[in-house]
Amino acid sequence: MKIAFLGIGNVGFAIANNLQKAGYDIVVGTDDVNSKSVVKAKQNNTTFTYTSPQQAIDQAEVVVLSTPFMANSQVLEGLNFNGKTLIDCTNPVGPGLTHGLNNERSGSELVQELASDSKVVKAFSIYGYENFVDSSFLAYNVKPAMLIAGNDINAKLQAGKIIENLGFQVVDTGLLNQALHLEHLTLLWVKMARVNGHHPNFVWAYLEK
């Protein structure tokens, strides 16, 4: 399966690099091959393919959006997804690590509006990139939970298979409006790890009886 990445910074590169190791074909869509993130990605992995965003989408079965949230409107403008699954890894962050859309709706719902012919699934948003570089926690007999949300069940199943191949347990939280709560979970993680001095190598687990 070929997966297109729009955005290849710390989060995008960590996911793309491990997906390639798992056997996926990676294509990066970019209009600026000289950007810092693209140059860094090329230095760390010489085998990704690079092309325009639309060509990357056209080639791929699934698209991953891993740009800074504030760039989403510019990145997504004019792109055609033709009903493909769009995994949204982005998070709206406002001043003082508040929710960037004032808690009125999730960033993923805005992504769905911007990419109206896609099927958006929120995923890879509740941890820092360190846990996408290495998702293994060998001291525990559980996989880290990856909470997802989306309106299309088939898109969630498609995204779920990809997520499981990266070593996570998929937990479907419901429709895309649930992404608002996942974005708050992201803010909690960020405040703990980036502000309060907690080490970043920690995740959430889903336990049932």
N, C-alpha and C. Protein backbone atom coordinates (compact mmCIF):
# COMPACT_ATOMS: atom_id res chain seq x y z
N MET A 1 0.84 -1.20 0.00
CA MET A 1 0.00 0.00 0.00
C MET A 1 0.88 1.25 0.00
N LYS A 2 0.49 2.24 -0.82
CA LYS A 2 1.21 3.50 -0.84
C LYS A 2 0.46 4.52 0.02
N ILE A 3 1.20 5.22 0.86
CA ILE A 3 0.64 6.23 1.75
C ILE A 3 1.31 7.56 1.45
N ALA A 4 0.49 8.59 1.26
CA ALA A 4 1.01 9.93 1.00
C ALA A 4 1.05 10.72 2.29
N PHE A 5 2.11 11.48 2.47
CA PHE A 5 2.26 12.36 3.62
C PHE A 5 2.26 13.81 3.17
N LEU A 6 1.38 14.59 3.77
CA LEU A 6 1.39 16.04 3.61
C LEU A 6 1.94 16.58 4.92
N GLY A 7 3.23 16.92 4.92
CA GLY A 7 3.94 17.30 6.13
C GLY A 7 4.86 16.18 6.55
N ILE A 8 6.15 16.49 6.70
CA ILE A 8 7.14 15.47 7.02
C ILE A 8 8.09 15.99 8.10
N GLY A 9 7.49 16.66 9.10
CA GLY A 9 8.25 17.11 10.26
C GLY A 9 8.47 15.97 11.23
N ASN A 10 8.65 16.27 12.50
CA ASN A 10 8.97 15.23 13.49
C ASN A 10 7.91 14.13 13.54
N VAL A 11 6.64 14.53 13.60
CA VAL A 11 5.56 13.54 13.67
C VAL A 11 5.43 12.77 12.36
N GLY A 12 5.35 13.50 11.27
CA GLY A 12 5.18 12.84 9.98
C GLY A 12 6.33 11.91 9.65
N PHE A 13 7.55 12.37 9.90
CA PHE A 13 8.70 11.52 9.57
C PHE A 13 8.71 10.26 10.43
N ALA A 14 8.44 10.38 11.72
CA ALA A 14 8.46 9.20 12.59
C ALA A 14 7.45 8.16 12.13
N ILE A 15 6.25 8.60 11.77
CA ILE A 15 5.21 7.67 11.31
C ILE A 15 5.60 7.08 9.96
N ALA A 16 6.02 7.95 9.03
CA ALA A 16 6.36 7.49 7.68
C ALA A 16 7.53 6.52 7.71
N ASN A 17 8.54 6.82 8.51
CA ASN A 17 9.73 5.97 8.57
C ASN A 17 9.39 4.58 9.07
N ASN A 18 8.55 4.50 10.10
CA ASN A 18 8.19 3.19 10.63
C ASN A 18 7.20 2.46 9.73
N LEU A 19 6.34 3.19 9.04
CA LEU A 19 5.45 2.54 8.08
C LEU A 19 6.25 1.94 6.93
N GLN A 20 7.28 2.63 6.51
CA GLN A 20 8.13 2.08 5.45
C GLN A 20 8.79 0.79 5.93
N LYS A 21 9.27 0.78 7.17
CA LYS A 21 9.88 -0.42 7.73
C LYS A 21 8.87 -1.57 7.79
N ALA A 22 7.58 -1.22 7.93
CA ALA A 22 6.52 -2.23 8.00
C ALA A 22 6.06 -2.68 6.62
N GLY A 23 6.67 -2.12 5.56
CA GLY A 23 6.37 -2.58 4.21
C GLY A 23 5.53 -1.65 3.37
N TYR A 24 5.19 -0.47 3.88
CA TYR A 24 4.40 0.49 3.11
C TYR A 24 5.31 1.32 2.20
N ASP A 25 4.74 1.77 1.10
CA ASP A 25 5.43 2.65 0.16
C ASP A 25 5.06 4.09 0.51
N ILE A 26 6.07 4.94 0.71
CA ILE A 26 5.83 6.29 1.20
C ILE A 26 6.12 7.31 0.11
N VAL A 27 5.17 8.22 -0.11
CA VAL A 27 5.37 9.36 -1.00
C VAL A 27 5.02 10.62 -0.22
N VAL A 28 5.88 11.62 -0.35
CA VAL A 28 5.68 12.88 0.36
C VAL A 28 5.22 13.94 -0.62
N GLY A 29 4.11 14.61 -0.30
CA GLY A 29 3.62 15.68 -1.14
C GLY A 29 4.09 17.02 -0.62
N THR A 30 4.85 17.75 -1.41
CA THR A 30 5.35 19.05 -0.98
C THR A 30 5.53 19.98 -2.17
N ASP A 31 5.32 21.27 -1.91
CA ASP A 31 5.59 22.28 -2.93
C ASP A 31 6.95 22.94 -2.72
N ASP A 32 7.67 22.53 -1.66
CA ASP A 32 8.95 23.15 -1.33
C ASP A 32 9.94 22.07 -0.91
N VAL A 33 10.70 21.58 -1.87
CA VAL A 33 11.66 20.52 -1.56
C VAL A 33 12.87 21.04 -0.79
N ASN A 34 12.94 22.36 -0.61
CA ASN A 34 14.05 22.95 0.14
C ASN A 34 13.65 23.38 1.55
N SER A 35 12.45 23.02 1.96
CA SER A 35 12.03 23.37 3.32
C SER A 35 12.88 22.61 4.33
N LYS A 36 12.96 23.15 5.55
CA LYS A 36 13.80 22.52 6.58
C LYS A 36 13.36 21.09 6.87
N SER A 37 12.04 20.87 6.92
CA SER A 37 11.55 19.53 7.26
C SER A 37 11.85 18.53 6.16
N VAL A 38 11.74 18.95 4.90
CA VAL A 38 12.03 18.05 3.78
C VAL A 38 13.52 17.75 3.72
N VAL A 39 14.34 18.77 3.88
CA VAL A 39 15.80 18.56 3.87
C VAL A 39 16.21 17.60 4.97
N LYS A 40 15.65 17.79 6.16
CA LYS A 40 15.97 16.91 7.28
C LYS A 40 15.49 15.49 7.01
N ALA A 41 14.29 15.35 6.45
CA ALA A 41 13.77 14.01 6.14
C ALA A 41 14.65 13.31 5.13
N LYS A 42 15.12 14.04 4.12
CA LYS A 42 15.99 13.44 3.12
C LYS A 42 17.31 12.99 3.72
N GLN A 43 17.79 13.72 4.71
CA GLN A 43 19.03 13.35 5.38
C GLN A 43 18.87 12.08 6.20
N ASN A 44 17.68 11.90 6.78
CA ASN A 44 17.43 10.76 7.67
C ASN A 44 16.89 9.53 6.96
N ASN A 45 16.34 9.72 5.76
CA ASN A 45 15.83 8.60 4.97
C ASN A 45 15.90 9.00 3.51
N THR A 46 16.74 8.33 2.76
CA THR A 46 16.97 8.72 1.37
C THR A 46 16.02 8.05 0.38
N THR A 47 15.08 7.26 0.88
CA THR A 47 14.28 6.42 -0.02
C THR A 47 12.84 6.89 -0.21
N PHE A 48 12.40 7.91 0.50
CA PHE A 48 11.06 8.43 0.26
C PHE A 48 11.00 9.06 -1.13
N THR A 49 9.82 9.00 -1.73
CA THR A 49 9.57 9.68 -2.99
C THR A 49 8.93 11.04 -2.70
N TYR A 50 9.31 12.06 -3.47
CA TYR A 50 8.77 13.41 -3.29
C TYR A 50 8.13 13.89 -4.59
N THR A 51 6.95 14.47 -4.47
CA THR A 51 6.25 15.01 -5.63
C THR A 51 5.30 16.08 -5.14
N SER A 52 4.49 16.62 -6.02
CA SER A 52 3.53 17.65 -5.61
C SER A 52 2.46 17.04 -4.71
N PRO A 53 1.81 17.85 -3.88
CA PRO A 53 0.75 17.32 -3.01
C PRO A 53 -0.34 16.57 -3.78
N GLN A 54 -0.83 17.14 -4.88
CA GLN A 54 -1.91 16.47 -5.61
C GLN A 54 -1.45 15.17 -6.23
N GLN A 55 -0.25 15.15 -6.79
CA GLN A 55 0.26 13.91 -7.36
C GLN A 55 0.46 12.85 -6.29
N ALA A 56 0.91 13.27 -5.11
CA ALA A 56 1.08 12.31 -4.02
C ALA A 56 -0.27 11.71 -3.62
N ILE A 57 -1.29 12.54 -3.52
CA ILE A 57 -2.63 12.06 -3.18
C ILE A 57 -3.14 11.10 -4.25
N ASP A 58 -2.96 11.46 -5.51
CA ASP A 58 -3.45 10.63 -6.60
C ASP A 58 -2.81 9.25 -6.61
N GLN A 59 -1.53 9.17 -6.21
CA GLN A 59 -0.81 7.90 -6.21
C GLN A 59 -1.18 7.01 -5.04
N ALA A 60 -1.63 7.60 -3.94
CA ALA A 60 -1.76 6.87 -2.67
C ALA A 60 -3.17 6.33 -2.44
N GLU A 61 -3.24 5.35 -1.57
CA GLU A 61 -4.53 4.83 -1.11
C GLU A 61 -5.02 5.55 0.14
N VAL A 62 -4.07 6.01 0.95
CA VAL A 62 -4.38 6.72 2.19
C VAL A 62 -3.46 7.93 2.26
N VAL A 63 -3.98 9.03 2.83
CA VAL A 63 -3.20 10.25 2.98
C VAL A 63 -3.09 10.57 4.47
N VAL A 64 -1.90 11.01 4.89
CA VAL A 64 -1.67 11.42 6.28
C VAL A 64 -1.36 12.91 6.29
N LEU A 65 -2.12 13.66 7.07
CA LEU A 65 -1.91 15.09 7.22
C LEU A 65 -1.14 15.33 8.52
N SER A 66 0.10 15.76 8.39
CA SER A 66 0.95 15.96 9.59
C SER A 66 1.69 17.29 9.51
N THR A 67 0.97 18.29 9.04
CA THR A 67 1.49 19.66 8.98
C THR A 67 1.21 20.39 10.29
N PRO A 68 1.85 21.54 10.54
CA PRO A 68 1.38 22.39 11.63
C PRO A 68 -0.07 22.79 11.37
N PHE A 69 -0.89 22.79 12.40
CA PHE A 69 -2.32 23.00 12.19
C PHE A 69 -2.61 24.30 11.46
N MET A 70 -1.90 25.37 11.80
CA MET A 70 -2.18 26.67 11.20
C MET A 70 -1.91 26.69 9.70
N ALA A 71 -1.17 25.70 9.21
CA ALA A 71 -0.89 25.63 7.77
C ALA A 71 -1.94 24.83 7.01
N ASN A 72 -2.88 24.23 7.72
CA ASN A 72 -3.80 23.29 7.06
C ASN A 72 -4.62 23.93 5.95
N SER A 73 -5.13 25.13 6.19
CA SER A 73 -5.99 25.75 5.17
C SER A 73 -5.22 26.00 3.89
N GLN A 74 -3.96 26.42 4.03
CA GLN A 74 -3.14 26.65 2.84
C GLN A 74 -2.75 25.35 2.17
N VAL A 75 -2.38 24.36 2.96
CA VAL A 75 -1.94 23.07 2.41
C VAL A 75 -3.08 22.37 1.68
N LEU A 76 -4.28 22.42 2.23
CA LEU A 76 -5.40 21.65 1.69
C LEU A 76 -6.15 22.37 0.58
N GLU A 77 -5.90 23.65 0.42
CA GLU A 77 -6.65 24.43 -0.57
C GLU A 77 -6.47 23.87 -1.98
N GLY A 78 -7.58 23.57 -2.60
CA GLY A 78 -7.58 23.13 -4.00
C GLY A 78 -7.23 21.68 -4.23
N LEU A 79 -6.97 20.92 -3.18
CA LEU A 79 -6.60 19.51 -3.36
C LEU A 79 -7.85 18.65 -3.50
N ASN A 80 -7.75 17.60 -4.30
CA ASN A 80 -8.85 16.66 -4.50
C ASN A 80 -8.46 15.30 -3.92
N PHE A 81 -9.30 14.79 -3.04
CA PHE A 81 -9.01 13.52 -2.38
C PHE A 81 -9.82 12.36 -2.95
N ASN A 82 -10.88 12.67 -3.66
CA ASN A 82 -11.67 11.63 -4.34
C ASN A 82 -12.12 10.52 -3.39
N GLY A 83 -12.54 10.91 -2.20
CA GLY A 83 -13.10 9.95 -1.25
C GLY A 83 -12.09 9.15 -0.46
N LYS A 84 -10.81 9.49 -0.56
CA LYS A 84 -9.78 8.72 0.15
C LYS A 84 -9.75 9.05 1.64
N THR A 85 -9.23 8.11 2.40
CA THR A 85 -9.06 8.31 3.84
C THR A 85 -7.96 9.31 4.09
N LEU A 86 -8.25 10.30 4.92
CA LEU A 86 -7.28 11.32 5.31
C LEU A 86 -7.08 11.23 6.82
N ILE A 87 -5.92 10.74 7.24
CA ILE A 87 -5.62 10.63 8.67
C ILE A 87 -5.07 11.97 9.14
N ASP A 88 -5.79 12.58 10.06
CA ASP A 88 -5.43 13.90 10.56
C ASP A 88 -4.65 13.77 11.87
N CYS A 89 -3.38 14.16 11.83
CA CYS A 89 -2.52 14.11 13.01
C CYS A 89 -2.36 15.48 13.66
N THR A 90 -3.04 16.49 13.12
CA THR A 90 -2.77 17.86 13.53
C THR A 90 -3.61 18.27 14.74
N ASN A 91 -3.15 19.30 15.42
CA ASN A 91 -3.84 19.78 16.62
C ASN A 91 -3.84 21.30 16.67
N PRO A 92 -5.02 21.91 16.88
CA PRO A 92 -5.08 23.36 17.02
C PRO A 92 -4.65 23.77 18.43
N VAL A 93 -3.56 24.50 18.52
CA VAL A 93 -3.02 24.92 19.81
C VAL A 93 -3.01 26.44 19.86
N GLY A 94 -3.65 26.98 20.89
CA GLY A 94 -3.72 28.43 21.05
C GLY A 94 -2.76 28.94 22.09
N PRO A 95 -2.82 30.22 22.40
CA PRO A 95 -1.92 30.83 23.40
C PRO A 95 -2.01 30.13 24.75
N GLY A 96 -0.86 29.92 25.36
CA GLY A 96 -0.84 29.28 26.68
C GLY A 96 -1.26 27.84 26.65
N LEU A 97 -1.06 27.17 25.52
CA LEU A 97 -1.46 25.77 25.34
C LEU A 97 -2.95 25.58 25.62
N THR A 98 -3.75 26.46 25.05
CA THR A 98 -5.20 26.32 25.07
C THR A 98 -5.64 25.72 23.74
N HIS A 99 -6.92 25.37 23.66
CA HIS A 99 -7.43 24.83 22.40
C HIS A 99 -7.54 25.95 21.38
N GLY A 100 -6.94 25.74 20.22
CA GLY A 100 -6.82 26.80 19.22
C GLY A 100 -8.11 27.21 18.56
N LEU A 101 -9.17 26.44 18.72
CA LEU A 101 -10.47 26.81 18.16
C LEU A 101 -11.47 27.12 19.26
N ASN A 102 -10.97 27.50 20.42
CA ASN A 102 -11.78 27.95 21.56
C ASN A 102 -12.80 26.92 22.02
N ASN A 103 -12.46 25.64 21.83
CA ASN A 103 -13.31 24.53 22.28
C ASN A 103 -14.66 24.48 21.57
N GLU A 104 -14.80 25.24 20.49
CA GLU A 104 -16.09 25.29 19.80
C GLU A 104 -16.31 24.08 18.90
N ARG A 105 -15.23 23.57 18.34
CA ARG A 105 -15.28 22.35 17.53
C ARG A 105 -13.86 21.84 17.40
N SER A 106 -13.73 20.63 16.92
CA SER A 106 -12.40 20.04 16.79
C SER A 106 -11.70 20.55 15.55
N GLY A 107 -10.38 20.48 15.58
CA GLY A 107 -9.61 20.80 14.40
C GLY A 107 -9.90 19.84 13.27
N SER A 108 -10.19 18.60 13.60
CA SER A 108 -10.46 17.60 12.57
C SER A 108 -11.75 17.90 11.82
N GLU A 109 -12.73 18.49 12.50
CA GLU A 109 -13.95 18.87 11.80
C GLU A 109 -13.67 19.99 10.81
N LEU A 110 -12.76 20.89 11.16
CA LEU A 110 -12.36 21.93 10.21
C LEU A 110 -11.59 21.31 9.05
N VAL A 111 -10.72 20.34 9.33
CA VAL A 111 -10.01 19.64 8.25
C VAL A 111 -11.00 18.98 7.31
N GLN A 112 -12.06 18.39 7.87
CA GLN A 112 -13.07 17.75 7.02
C GLN A 112 -13.76 18.77 6.13
N GLU A 113 -13.99 19.98 6.62
CA GLU A 113 -14.57 21.03 5.79
C GLU A 113 -13.60 21.45 4.68
N LEU A 114 -12.32 21.56 5.03
CA LEU A 114 -11.31 22.00 4.06
C LEU A 114 -11.06 20.93 3.00
N ALA A 115 -11.20 19.67 3.40
CA ALA A 115 -10.99 18.55 2.47
C ALA A 115 -12.30 17.77 2.41
N SER A 116 -13.32 18.40 1.85
CA SER A 116 -14.68 17.87 1.94
C SER A 116 -14.88 16.55 1.21
N ASP A 117 -14.03 16.26 0.22
CA ASP A 117 -14.18 15.00 -0.51
C ASP A 117 -13.26 13.91 0.03
N SER A 118 -12.78 14.09 1.26
CA SER A 118 -12.00 13.05 1.94
C SER A 118 -12.83 12.46 3.07
N LYS A 119 -12.31 11.39 3.66
CA LYS A 119 -12.93 10.78 4.83
C LYS A 119 -11.93 10.89 5.96
N VAL A 120 -12.13 11.88 6.81
CA VAL A 120 -11.14 12.23 7.83
C VAL A 120 -11.24 11.30 9.03
N VAL A 121 -10.08 10.83 9.47
CA VAL A 121 -9.96 10.05 10.70
C VAL A 121 -8.91 10.73 11.58
N LYS A 122 -9.29 11.07 12.79
CA LYS A 122 -8.34 11.66 13.73
C LYS A 122 -7.51 10.54 14.34
N ALA A 123 -6.18 10.67 14.28
CA ALA A 123 -5.29 9.67 14.87
C ALA A 123 -3.90 10.28 15.01
N PHE A 124 -3.04 9.59 15.75
CA PHE A 124 -1.66 10.03 15.95
C PHE A 124 -1.60 11.45 16.50
N SER A 125 -2.49 11.76 17.42
CA SER A 125 -2.55 13.15 17.90
C SER A 125 -2.39 13.28 19.40
N ILE A 126 -2.38 12.20 20.12
CA ILE A 126 -2.45 12.31 21.59
C ILE A 126 -1.09 12.15 22.27
N TYR A 127 -0.04 11.97 21.49
CA TYR A 127 1.32 11.82 22.03
C TYR A 127 2.27 12.71 21.25
N GLY A 128 3.46 12.91 21.83
CA GLY A 128 4.53 13.53 21.08
C GLY A 128 5.18 12.55 20.13
N TYR A 129 5.99 13.09 19.24
CA TYR A 129 6.59 12.27 18.18
C TYR A 129 7.48 11.16 18.73
N GLU A 130 8.00 11.33 19.94
CA GLU A 130 8.89 10.31 20.50
C GLU A 130 8.23 8.93 20.54
N ASN A 131 6.93 8.92 20.80
CA ASN A 131 6.21 7.65 20.90
C ASN A 131 5.78 7.11 19.54
N PHE A 132 6.02 7.89 18.49
CA PHE A 132 5.84 7.38 17.13
C PHE A 132 7.16 6.87 16.57
N VAL A 133 8.26 7.39 17.10
CA VAL A 133 9.58 6.84 16.77
C VAL A 133 9.69 5.42 17.28
N ASP A 134 9.23 5.21 18.53
CA ASP A 134 9.30 3.88 19.16
C ASP A 134 8.07 3.71 20.03
N SER A 135 7.15 2.85 19.59
CA SER A 135 5.90 2.64 20.32
C SER A 135 5.96 1.46 21.29
N SER A 136 7.12 0.83 21.42
CA SER A 136 7.21 -0.38 22.25
C SER A 136 7.43 -0.02 23.71
N PHE A 137 6.72 -0.72 24.59
CA PHE A 137 6.88 -0.61 26.03
C PHE A 137 7.03 -2.03 26.57
N LEU A 138 8.24 -2.54 26.49
CA LEU A 138 8.49 -3.96 26.69
C LEU A 138 8.25 -4.43 28.12
N ALA A 139 8.21 -3.51 29.06
CA ALA A 139 8.00 -3.90 30.46
C ALA A 139 6.54 -4.20 30.76
N TYR A 140 5.66 -3.97 29.79
CA TYR A 140 4.23 -4.15 30.01
C TYR A 140 3.66 -5.10 28.97
N ASN A 141 2.64 -5.84 29.36
CA ASN A 141 2.02 -6.81 28.46
C ASN A 141 0.80 -6.19 27.77
N VAL A 142 0.89 -4.93 27.43
CA VAL A 142 -0.18 -4.24 26.71
C VAL A 142 0.46 -3.33 25.65
N LYS A 143 -0.32 -3.03 24.63
CA LYS A 143 0.12 -2.07 23.63
C LYS A 143 -0.39 -0.68 24.00
N PRO A 144 0.33 0.36 23.65
CA PRO A 144 -0.20 1.70 23.89
C PRO A 144 -1.47 1.92 23.09
N ALA A 145 -2.40 2.64 23.68
CA ALA A 145 -3.68 2.90 23.01
C ALA A 145 -3.53 4.04 22.02
N MET A 146 -4.14 3.88 20.85
CA MET A 146 -4.26 4.98 19.90
C MET A 146 -5.74 5.27 19.72
N LEU A 147 -6.18 6.38 20.29
CA LEU A 147 -7.58 6.77 20.22
C LEU A 147 -7.84 7.46 18.89
N ILE A 148 -8.92 7.05 18.23
CA ILE A 148 -9.26 7.61 16.92
C ILE A 148 -10.71 8.06 16.92
N ALA A 149 -11.04 8.90 15.95
CA ALA A 149 -12.42 9.34 15.76
C ALA A 149 -12.65 9.60 14.27
N GLY A 150 -13.88 9.38 13.82
CA GLY A 150 -14.20 9.62 12.41
C GLY A 150 -15.64 9.26 12.13
N ASN A 151 -16.14 9.78 11.04
CA ASN A 151 -17.54 9.55 10.67
C ASN A 151 -17.75 8.34 9.78
N ASP A 152 -16.69 7.89 9.10
CA ASP A 152 -16.82 6.80 8.13
C ASP A 152 -16.19 5.53 8.69
N ILE A 153 -16.98 4.48 8.85
CA ILE A 153 -16.50 3.27 9.49
C ILE A 153 -15.43 2.59 8.66
N ASN A 154 -15.57 2.61 7.34
CA ASN A 154 -14.56 1.95 6.49
C ASN A 154 -13.23 2.70 6.53
N ALA A 155 -13.29 4.02 6.60
CA ALA A 155 -12.06 4.80 6.72
C ALA A 155 -11.38 4.51 8.06
N LYS A 156 -12.17 4.35 9.10
CA LYS A 156 -11.57 4.03 10.41
C LYS A 156 -10.95 2.64 10.40
N LEU A 157 -11.60 1.71 9.73
CA LEU A 157 -11.01 0.36 9.63
C LEU A 157 -9.71 0.40 8.84
N GLN A 158 -9.68 1.18 7.79
CA GLN A 158 -8.47 1.30 6.97
C GLN A 158 -7.34 1.95 7.77
N ALA A 159 -7.67 3.02 8.47
CA ALA A 159 -6.67 3.67 9.31
C ALA A 159 -6.24 2.75 10.46
N GLY A 160 -7.19 2.00 10.99
CA GLY A 160 -6.89 1.11 12.11
C GLY A 160 -5.85 0.06 11.78
N LYS A 161 -5.91 -0.49 10.58
CA LYS A 161 -4.92 -1.49 10.17
C LYS A 161 -3.52 -0.89 10.13
N ILE A 162 -3.43 0.33 9.64
CA ILE A 162 -2.15 1.02 9.60
C ILE A 162 -1.63 1.27 11.01
N ILE A 163 -2.51 1.72 11.88
CA ILE A 163 -2.14 2.01 13.27
C ILE A 163 -1.66 0.75 13.98
N GLU A 164 -2.38 -0.36 13.78
CA GLU A 164 -1.99 -1.62 14.41
C GLU A 164 -0.62 -2.08 13.93
N ASN A 165 -0.30 -1.84 12.68
CA ASN A 165 1.00 -2.22 12.15
C ASN A 165 2.14 -1.41 12.73
N LEU A 166 1.80 -0.33 13.42
CA LEU A 166 2.81 0.46 14.11
C LEU A 166 2.88 0.14 15.59
N GLY A 167 2.16 -0.89 16.02
CA GLY A 167 2.30 -1.37 17.38
C GLY A 167 1.33 -0.79 18.39
N PHE A 168 0.26 -0.15 17.92
CA PHE A 168 -0.72 0.44 18.83
C PHE A 168 -2.00 -0.38 18.87
N GLN A 169 -2.73 -0.25 19.97
CA GLN A 169 -4.08 -0.80 20.08
C GLN A 169 -5.06 0.29 19.68
N VAL A 170 -5.88 0.02 18.69
CA VAL A 170 -6.83 1.02 18.21
C VAL A 170 -8.04 1.07 19.14
N VAL A 171 -8.40 2.27 19.55
CA VAL A 171 -9.61 2.49 20.36
C VAL A 171 -10.46 3.52 19.63
N ASP A 172 -11.59 3.07 19.11
CA ASP A 172 -12.50 3.94 18.36
C ASP A 172 -13.38 4.69 19.36
N THR A 173 -13.24 6.02 19.39
CA THR A 173 -13.99 6.82 20.36
C THR A 173 -15.31 7.33 19.82
N GLY A 174 -15.57 7.12 18.51
CA GLY A 174 -16.84 7.56 17.96
C GLY A 174 -16.69 8.48 16.77
N LEU A 175 -17.68 9.35 16.58
CA LEU A 175 -17.72 10.23 15.43
C LEU A 175 -16.64 11.32 15.50
N LEU A 176 -16.49 12.05 14.41
CA LEU A 176 -15.38 12.98 14.30
C LEU A 176 -15.44 14.10 15.34
N ASN A 177 -16.64 14.43 15.83
CA ASN A 177 -16.70 15.48 16.84
C ASN A 177 -16.03 15.07 18.15
N GLN A 178 -15.79 13.78 18.33
CA GLN A 178 -15.04 13.31 19.49
C GLN A 178 -13.58 13.75 19.42
N ALA A 179 -13.11 14.15 18.25
CA ALA A 179 -11.73 14.61 18.11
C ALA A 179 -11.45 15.81 19.00
N LEU A 180 -12.47 16.58 19.34
CA LEU A 180 -12.27 17.71 20.25
C LEU A 180 -11.68 17.23 21.57
N HIS A 181 -12.18 16.12 22.07
CA HIS A 181 -11.69 15.60 23.35
C HIS A 181 -10.30 14.99 23.19
N LEU A 182 -10.03 14.41 22.02
CA LEU A 182 -8.68 13.88 21.78
C LEU A 182 -7.67 15.02 21.72
N GLU A 183 -8.09 16.16 21.19
CA GLU A 183 -7.19 17.31 21.14
C GLU A 183 -6.90 17.85 22.53
N HIS A 184 -7.87 17.75 23.43
CA HIS A 184 -7.60 18.13 24.82
C HIS A 184 -6.65 17.13 25.48
N LEU A 185 -6.77 15.86 25.12
CA LEU A 185 -5.84 14.86 25.63
C LEU A 185 -4.42 15.16 25.14
N THR A 186 -4.32 15.63 23.90
CA THR A 186 -3.02 16.06 23.38
C THR A 186 -2.46 17.20 24.22
N LEU A 187 -3.29 18.19 24.52
CA LEU A 187 -2.83 19.32 25.32
C LEU A 187 -2.37 18.86 26.70
N LEU A 188 -3.06 17.89 27.28
CA LEU A 188 -2.64 17.34 28.57
C LEU A 188 -1.25 16.73 28.44
N TRP A 189 -1.05 15.90 27.40
CA TRP A 189 0.25 15.26 27.20
C TRP A 189 1.34 16.33 27.02
N VAL A 190 1.06 17.33 26.20
CA VAL A 190 2.05 18.37 25.92
C VAL A 190 2.40 19.15 27.18
N LYS A 191 1.41 19.49 27.97
CA LYS A 191 1.68 20.23 29.20
C LYS A 191 2.52 19.42 30.16
N MET A 192 2.23 18.12 30.23
CA MET A 192 3.02 17.26 31.12
C MET A 192 4.46 17.14 30.65
N ALA A 193 4.65 16.88 29.35
CA ALA A 193 5.97 16.56 28.83
C ALA A 193 6.79 17.79 28.45
N ARG A 194 6.16 18.79 27.90
CA ARG A 194 6.91 19.94 27.40
C ARG A 194 6.98 21.09 28.40
N VAL A 195 6.06 21.13 29.37
CA VAL A 195 6.03 22.25 30.31
C VAL A 195 6.41 21.81 31.72
N ASN A 196 5.82 20.71 32.17
CA ASN A 196 5.98 20.32 33.57
C ASN A 196 7.15 19.38 33.83
N GLY A 197 7.93 19.05 32.80
CA GLY A 197 9.14 18.29 33.00
C GLY A 197 8.99 16.79 33.05
N HIS A 198 7.79 16.27 32.75
CA HIS A 198 7.63 14.82 32.68
C HIS A 198 8.35 14.33 31.43
N HIS A 199 9.05 13.18 31.53
CA HIS A 199 9.72 12.67 30.35
C HIS A 199 8.68 12.31 29.28
N PRO A 200 9.04 12.42 28.00
CA PRO A 200 8.05 12.25 26.94
C PRO A 200 7.71 10.81 26.58
N ASN A 201 8.43 9.85 27.11
CA ASN A 201 8.22 8.45 26.72
C ASN A 201 7.15 7.81 27.61
N PHE A 202 5.93 8.35 27.49
CA PHE A 202 4.80 7.75 28.20
C PHE A 202 3.57 7.83 27.32
N VAL A 203 2.67 6.88 27.51
CA VAL A 203 1.48 6.74 26.68
C VAL A 203 0.28 6.38 27.55
N TRP A 204 -0.87 6.37 26.95
CA TRP A 204 -2.09 5.91 27.61
C TRP A 204 -2.36 4.45 27.20
N ALA A 205 -2.99 3.71 28.09
CA ALA A 205 -3.35 2.32 27.80
C ALA A 205 -4.86 2.15 27.97
N TYR A 206 -5.42 1.16 27.25
CA TYR A 206 -6.84 0.86 27.34
C TYR A 206 -6.99 -0.51 27.96
N LEU A 207 -7.57 -0.58 29.16
CA LEU A 207 -7.70 -1.85 29.89
C LEU A 207 -9.18 -2.15 30.11
N GLU A 208 -9.57 -3.39 29.85
CA GLU A 208 -10.96 -3.81 30.03
C GLU A 208 -11.04 -5.00 30.97
N LYS A 209 -12.16 -5.13 31.64
CA LYS A 209 -12.49 -6.35 32.40
C LYS A 209 -13.69 -7.01 31.75
